[in-house]
Amino acid sequence: EYLQKCEPQSIMAAAFIAASLDLPIDPNLGRAYIIPYGSKAQFQIGYRGFVELAIRTGQYRDMNAVEVYEDEIKEYNPVLGKLVFVDDFSKCKQREAGESDKVVGYYAYYELLTGFAKGLYMTKAQVTNHAKRYSVAYQKGRKDSPWFTNFDEMAKKTVIKRLLSKWGILSLEMQ
């Protein structure tokens, strides 16, 4: 219903961007979205869309984005951007128990075929501050926003997007 209030030209422009990147806008696929912002619609790449653009390059050996539970962290240095996980994950029980209130942050990493590897960790507070700053729906407290209905997925999208946008290699279409 929000898209119905948007200017048709902005919807078409967003659809053209999705088509040029060959990213479907079907919400079930999570590759790309057309998001209403007042009377204008904007194209937005989804979490899976960023991963797909990265994979298309053929340069990645490994990639992941996950929630991080408090019993999984040994040490975090925000100045160096270094996160050290515990040595023995078999002793970590919060993830297995589904204790979502114990999620303290989100981590994304990748490794290229060349061996170069990079990771990005954001605390739950940092992700929340990101949502407050960049999401109009979050700012307005719209409970139908994915930031409210699926915070963890939006958080993982945020860390992977920031990691790949700053340090990653994306397909030529994106460049």
C-alpha atoms as a PDB file:
ATOM      1  CA  GLU A   1       0.000   0.000   0.000  1.00  0.00           C
ATOM      2  CA  TYR A   2       2.952   2.350   0.597  1.00  0.00           C
ATOM      3  CA  LEU A   3       4.263   1.767  -2.935  1.00  0.00           C
ATOM      4  CA  GLN A   4       0.871   2.783  -4.351  1.00  0.00           C
ATOM      5  CA  LYS A   5       1.519   6.273  -2.982  1.00  0.00           C
ATOM      6  CA  CYS A   6       4.900   6.559  -4.752  1.00  0.00           C
ATOM      7  CA  GLU A   7       5.558   8.338  -8.018  1.00  0.00           C
ATOM      8  CA  PRO A   8       5.403   5.761 -10.847  1.00  0.00           C
ATOM      9  CA  GLN A   9       8.656   7.092 -12.340  1.00  0.00           C
ATOM     10  CA  SER A  10      10.539   6.325  -9.130  1.00  0.00           C
ATOM     11  CA  ILE A  11       9.161   2.781  -9.086  1.00  0.00           C
ATOM     12  CA  MET A  12      10.221   2.264 -12.693  1.00  0.00           C
ATOM     13  CA  ALA A  13      13.684   3.711 -12.004  1.00  0.00           C
ATOM     14  CA  ALA A  14      14.144   1.303  -9.081  1.00  0.00           C
ATOM     15  CA  ALA A  15      12.956  -1.611 -11.241  1.00  0.00           C
ATOM     16  CA  PHE A  16      15.423  -0.639 -13.989  1.00  0.00           C
ATOM     17  CA  ILE A  17      18.311  -0.687 -11.520  1.00  0.00           C
ATOM     18  CA  ALA A  18      17.258  -4.145 -10.322  1.00  0.00           C
ATOM     19  CA  ALA A  19      17.049  -5.350 -13.926  1.00  0.00           C
ATOM     20  CA  SER A  20      20.440  -3.890 -14.849  1.00  0.00           C
ATOM     21  CA  LEU A  21      22.035  -5.762 -11.923  1.00  0.00           C
ATOM     22  CA  ASP A  22      20.031  -8.890 -12.766  1.00  0.00           C
ATOM     23  CA  LEU A  23      18.641  -9.024  -9.223  1.00  0.00           C
ATOM     24  CA  PRO A  24      15.014 -10.130  -8.895  1.00  0.00           C
ATOM     25  CA  ILE A  25      12.774  -7.935  -6.723  1.00  0.00           C
ATOM     26  CA  ASP A  26      10.722 -10.862  -5.437  1.00  0.00           C
ATOM     27  CA  PRO A  27      10.689 -10.448  -1.620  1.00  0.00           C
ATOM     28  CA  ASN A  28      10.775 -14.229  -1.199  1.00  0.00           C
ATOM     29  CA  LEU A  29      14.247 -14.319  -2.762  1.00  0.00           C
ATOM     30  CA  GLY A  30      15.744 -11.480  -0.700  1.00  0.00           C
ATOM     31  CA  ARG A  31      17.951 -10.224  -3.527  1.00  0.00           C
ATOM     32  CA  ALA A  32      16.517  -6.732  -4.049  1.00  0.00           C
ATOM     33  CA  TYR A  33      13.603  -4.583  -2.957  1.00  0.00           C
ATOM     34  CA  ILE A  34      11.732  -1.491  -3.996  1.00  0.00           C
ATOM     35  CA  ILE A  35      11.251   0.489  -0.809  1.00  0.00           C
ATOM     36  CA  PRO A  36       8.807   3.405  -0.491  1.00  0.00           C
ATOM     37  CA  TYR A  37      10.137   6.612   1.063  1.00  0.00           C
ATOM     38  CA  GLY A  38       7.251   9.045   1.157  1.00  0.00           C
ATOM     39  CA  SER A  39       6.260   9.729  -2.440  1.00  0.00           C
ATOM     40  CA  LYS A  40       9.408   8.181  -3.932  1.00  0.00           C
ATOM     41  CA  ALA A  41      10.458   4.556  -4.300  1.00  0.00           C
ATOM     42  CA  GLN A  42      14.082   3.478  -3.964  1.00  0.00           C
ATOM     43  CA  PHE A  43      15.962   0.410  -5.085  1.00  0.00           C
ATOM     44  CA  GLN A  44      17.655  -1.447  -2.254  1.00  0.00           C
ATOM     45  CA  ILE A  45      19.904  -4.481  -2.490  1.00  0.00           C
ATOM     46  CA  GLY A  46      19.063  -7.207  -0.009  1.00  0.00           C
ATOM     47  CA  TYR A  47      21.491  -9.282   2.017  1.00  0.00           C
ATOM     48  CA  ARG A  48      21.357 -12.107  -0.501  1.00  0.00           C
ATOM     49  CA  GLY A  49      21.808  -9.627  -3.355  1.00  0.00           C
ATOM     50  CA  PHE A  50      25.138  -8.414  -1.962  1.00  0.00           C
ATOM     51  CA  VAL A  51      26.277 -11.985  -1.517  1.00  0.00           C
ATOM     52  CA  GLU A  52      25.214 -12.834  -5.069  1.00  0.00           C
ATOM     53  CA  LEU A  53      27.084  -9.856  -6.540  1.00  0.00           C
ATOM     54  CA  ALA A  54      30.175 -10.940  -4.642  1.00  0.00           C
ATOM     55  CA  ILE A  55      29.883 -14.572  -5.720  1.00  0.00           C
ATOM     56  CA  ARG A  56      29.461 -13.564  -9.381  1.00  0.00           C
ATOM     57  CA  THR A  57      33.031 -12.259  -9.359  1.00  0.00           C
ATOM     58  CA  GLY A  58      34.424 -15.751  -8.781  1.00  0.00           C
ATOM     59  CA  GLN A  59      36.942 -14.247  -6.328  1.00  0.00           C
ATOM     60  CA  TYR A  60      35.593 -15.609  -3.016  1.00  0.00           C
ATOM     61  CA  ARG A  61      36.620 -18.807  -1.245  1.00  0.00           C
ATOM     62  CA  ASP A  62      34.370 -18.334   1.787  1.00  0.00           C
ATOM     63  CA  MET A  63      31.836 -15.877   3.197  1.00  0.00           C
ATOM     64  CA  ASN A  64      29.413 -15.750   6.122  1.00  0.00           C
ATOM     65  CA  ALA A  65      27.393 -13.437   8.351  1.00  0.00           C
ATOM     66  CA  VAL A  66      26.111 -14.531  11.767  1.00  0.00           C
ATOM     67  CA  GLU A  67      24.733 -13.430  15.089  1.00  0.00           C
ATOM     68  CA  VAL A  68      27.356 -13.505  17.848  1.00  0.00           C
ATOM     69  CA  TYR A  69      26.386 -14.694  21.326  1.00  0.00           C
ATOM     70  CA  GLU A  70      28.090 -13.412  24.455  1.00  0.00           C
ATOM     71  CA  ASP A  71      29.561 -16.838  25.323  1.00  0.00           C
ATOM     72  CA  GLU A  72      31.335 -17.013  21.922  1.00  0.00           C
ATOM     73  CA  ILE A  73      33.581 -13.949  22.284  1.00  0.00           C
ATOM     74  CA  LYS A  74      36.957 -14.081  23.944  1.00  0.00           C
ATOM     75  CA  GLU A  75      38.081 -10.555  23.065  1.00  0.00           C
ATOM     76  CA  TYR A  76      37.131  -7.636  20.831  1.00  0.00           C
ATOM     77  CA  ASN A  77      39.361  -4.694  19.946  1.00  0.00           C
ATOM     78  CA  PRO A  78      37.277  -1.963  18.247  1.00  0.00           C
ATOM     79  CA  VAL A  79      40.334   0.110  17.335  1.00  0.00           C
ATOM     80  CA  LEU A  80      41.914  -2.694  15.305  1.00  0.00           C
ATOM     81  CA  GLY A  81      38.582  -4.202  14.330  1.00  0.00           C
ATOM     82  CA  LYS A  82      39.731  -7.563  15.675  1.00  0.00           C
ATOM     83  CA  LEU A  83      37.329 -10.097  17.126  1.00  0.00           C
ATOM     84  CA  VAL A  84      38.710 -13.192  18.843  1.00  0.00           C
ATOM     85  CA  PHE A  85      36.321 -16.074  19.313  1.00  0.00           C
ATOM     86  CA  VAL A  86      36.591 -18.729  22.003  1.00  0.00           C
ATOM     87  CA  ASP A  87      38.757 -21.738  21.197  1.00  0.00           C
ATOM     88  CA  ASP A  88      36.124 -24.384  21.955  1.00  0.00           C
ATOM     89  CA  PHE A  89      32.640 -23.713  20.604  1.00  0.00           C
ATOM     90  CA  SER A  90      31.348 -26.955  22.134  1.00  0.00           C
ATOM     91  CA  LYS A  91      31.251 -25.129  25.467  1.00  0.00           C
ATOM     92  CA  CYS A  92      29.074 -22.340  24.010  1.00  0.00           C
ATOM     93  CA  LYS A  93      25.439 -23.155  24.745  1.00  0.00           C
ATOM     94  CA  GLN A  94      23.530 -19.900  24.109  1.00  0.00           C
ATOM     95  CA  ARG A  95      23.247 -20.334  20.314  1.00  0.00           C
ATOM     96  CA  GLU A  96      22.074 -23.932  20.607  1.00  0.00           C
ATOM     97  CA  ALA A  97      19.554 -22.971  23.292  1.00  0.00           C
ATOM     98  CA  GLY A  98      18.203 -20.177  21.084  1.00  0.00           C
ATOM     99  CA  GLU A  99      18.813 -17.525  23.737  1.00  0.00           C
ATOM    100  CA  SER A 100      18.264 -14.564  21.424  1.00  0.00           C
ATOM    101  CA  ASP A 101      18.558 -12.148  24.352  1.00  0.00           C
ATOM    102  CA  LYS A 102      22.226 -13.210  24.573  1.00  0.00           C
ATOM    103  CA  VAL A 103      23.073 -11.945  21.066  1.00  0.00           C
ATOM    104  CA  VAL A 104      25.637  -9.180  21.585  1.00  0.00           C
ATOM    105  CA  GLY A 105      26.625  -8.443  18.005  1.00  0.00           C
ATOM    106  CA  TYR A 106      26.897  -9.474  14.374  1.00  0.00           C
ATOM    107  CA  TYR A 107      29.905 -10.622  12.395  1.00  0.00           C
ATOM    108  CA  ALA A 108      30.541 -10.893   8.671  1.00  0.00           C
ATOM    109  CA  TYR A 109      33.689 -12.153   7.033  1.00  0.00           C
ATOM    110  CA  TYR A 110      35.042 -13.311   3.726  1.00  0.00           C
ATOM    111  CA  GLU A 111      38.143 -14.889   2.308  1.00  0.00           C
ATOM    112  CA  LEU A 112      39.270 -14.378  -1.277  1.00  0.00           C
ATOM    113  CA  LEU A 113      40.902 -17.035  -3.423  1.00  0.00           C
ATOM    114  CA  THR A 114      44.145 -15.049  -3.023  1.00  0.00           C
ATOM    115  CA  GLY A 115      44.038 -15.703   0.743  1.00  0.00           C
ATOM    116  CA  PHE A 116      43.086 -12.134   1.671  1.00  0.00           C
ATOM    117  CA  ALA A 117      40.496 -12.265   4.439  1.00  0.00           C
ATOM    118  CA  LYS A 118      38.510  -9.524   6.122  1.00  0.00           C
ATOM    119  CA  GLY A 119      35.877  -9.432   8.834  1.00  0.00           C
ATOM    120  CA  LEU A 120      33.589  -6.848  10.374  1.00  0.00           C
ATOM    121  CA  TYR A 121      31.999  -7.011  13.811  1.00  0.00           C
ATOM    122  CA  MET A 122      29.268  -4.654  14.974  1.00  0.00           C
ATOM    123  CA  THR A 123      27.770  -4.716  18.431  1.00  0.00           C
ATOM    124  CA  LYS A 124      24.003  -4.859  18.775  1.00  0.00           C
ATOM    125  CA  ALA A 125      24.110  -1.213  19.915  1.00  0.00           C
ATOM    126  CA  GLN A 126      26.078  -0.184  16.801  1.00  0.00           C
ATOM    127  CA  VAL A 127      23.563  -1.920  14.546  1.00  0.00           C
ATOM    128  CA  THR A 128      20.679  -0.277  16.411  1.00  0.00           C
ATOM    129  CA  ASN A 129      22.355   3.127  15.995  1.00  0.00           C
ATOM    130  CA  HIS A 130      22.753   2.384  12.273  1.00  0.00           C
ATOM    131  CA  ALA A 131      19.019   1.637  12.025  1.00  0.00           C
ATOM    132  CA  LYS A 132      18.161   4.829  13.908  1.00  0.00           C
ATOM    133  CA  ARG A 133      20.310   6.870  11.549  1.00  0.00           C
ATOM    134  CA  TYR A 134      19.479   5.323   8.169  1.00  0.00           C
ATOM    135  CA  SER A 135      16.047   3.691   8.416  1.00  0.00           C
ATOM    136  CA  VAL A 136      13.094   6.033   8.108  1.00  0.00           C
ATOM    137  CA  ALA A 137      10.760   3.193   9.120  1.00  0.00           C
ATOM    138  CA  TYR A 138      12.821   2.581  12.266  1.00  0.00           C
ATOM    139  CA  GLN A 139      12.864   6.287  13.082  1.00  0.00           C
ATOM    140  CA  LYS A 140       9.089   6.418  12.748  1.00  0.00           C
ATOM    141  CA  GLY A 141       8.668   3.281  14.847  1.00  0.00           C
ATOM    142  CA  ARG A 142       6.827   1.400  12.079  1.00  0.00           C
ATOM    143  CA  LYS A 143       6.337  -2.027  13.593  1.00  0.00           C
ATOM    144  CA  ASP A 144       5.873  -3.576  10.127  1.00  0.00           C
ATOM    145  CA  SER A 145       9.458  -2.631   9.234  1.00  0.00           C
ATOM    146  CA  PRO A 146      11.949  -5.516   8.946  1.00  0.00           C
ATOM    147  CA  TRP A 147      13.992  -3.715  11.590  1.00  0.00           C
ATOM    148  CA  PHE A 148      11.220  -4.622  14.020  1.00  0.00           C
ATOM    149  CA  THR A 149       9.941  -7.879  12.510  1.00  0.00           C
ATOM    150  CA  ASN A 150      13.350  -9.424  11.702  1.00  0.00           C
ATOM    151  CA  PHE A 151      16.110  -7.456  13.418  1.00  0.00           C
ATOM    152  CA  ASP A 152      18.735 -10.218  13.183  1.00  0.00           C
ATOM    153  CA  GLU A 153      18.404 -10.521   9.399  1.00  0.00           C
ATOM    154  CA  MET A 154      18.619  -6.734   8.986  1.00  0.00           C
ATOM    155  CA  ALA A 155      21.673  -6.695  11.251  1.00  0.00           C
ATOM    156  CA  LYS A 156      23.413  -9.407   9.208  1.00  0.00           C
ATOM    157  CA  LYS A 157      22.557  -7.516   6.034  1.00  0.00           C
ATOM    158  CA  THR A 158      24.087  -4.387   7.556  1.00  0.00           C
ATOM    159  CA  VAL A 159      27.406  -6.024   8.457  1.00  0.00           C
ATOM    160  CA  ILE A 160      27.763  -7.868   5.140  1.00  0.00           C
ATOM    161  CA  LYS A 161      26.813  -4.759   3.167  1.00  0.00           C
ATOM    162  CA  ARG A 162      29.284  -2.579   5.057  1.00  0.00           C
ATOM    163  CA  LEU A 163      32.024  -5.192   4.767  1.00  0.00           C
ATOM    164  CA  LEU A 164      31.569  -5.831   1.057  1.00  0.00           C
ATOM    165  CA  SER A 165      30.969  -2.171   0.182  1.00  0.00           C
ATOM    166  CA  LYS A 166      34.193  -1.083   1.859  1.00  0.00           C
ATOM    167  CA  TRP A 167      36.560  -4.032   1.413  1.00  0.00           C
ATOM    168  CA  GLY A 168      35.000  -6.539  -0.951  1.00  0.00           C
ATOM    169  CA  ILE A 169      35.006  -7.179  -4.657  1.00  0.00           C
ATOM    170  CA  LEU A 170      31.596  -6.997  -6.286  1.00  0.00           C
ATOM    171  CA  SER A 171      30.522  -7.931  -9.789  1.00  0.00           C
ATOM    172  CA  LEU A 172      31.235  -5.575 -12.674  1.00  0.00           C
ATOM    173  CA  GLU A 173      27.538  -4.673 -12.862  1.00  0.00           C
ATOM    174  CA  MET A 174      27.760  -3.211  -9.363  1.00  0.00           C
ATOM    175  CA  GLN A 175      31.011  -1.356 -10.063  1.00  0.00           C
END
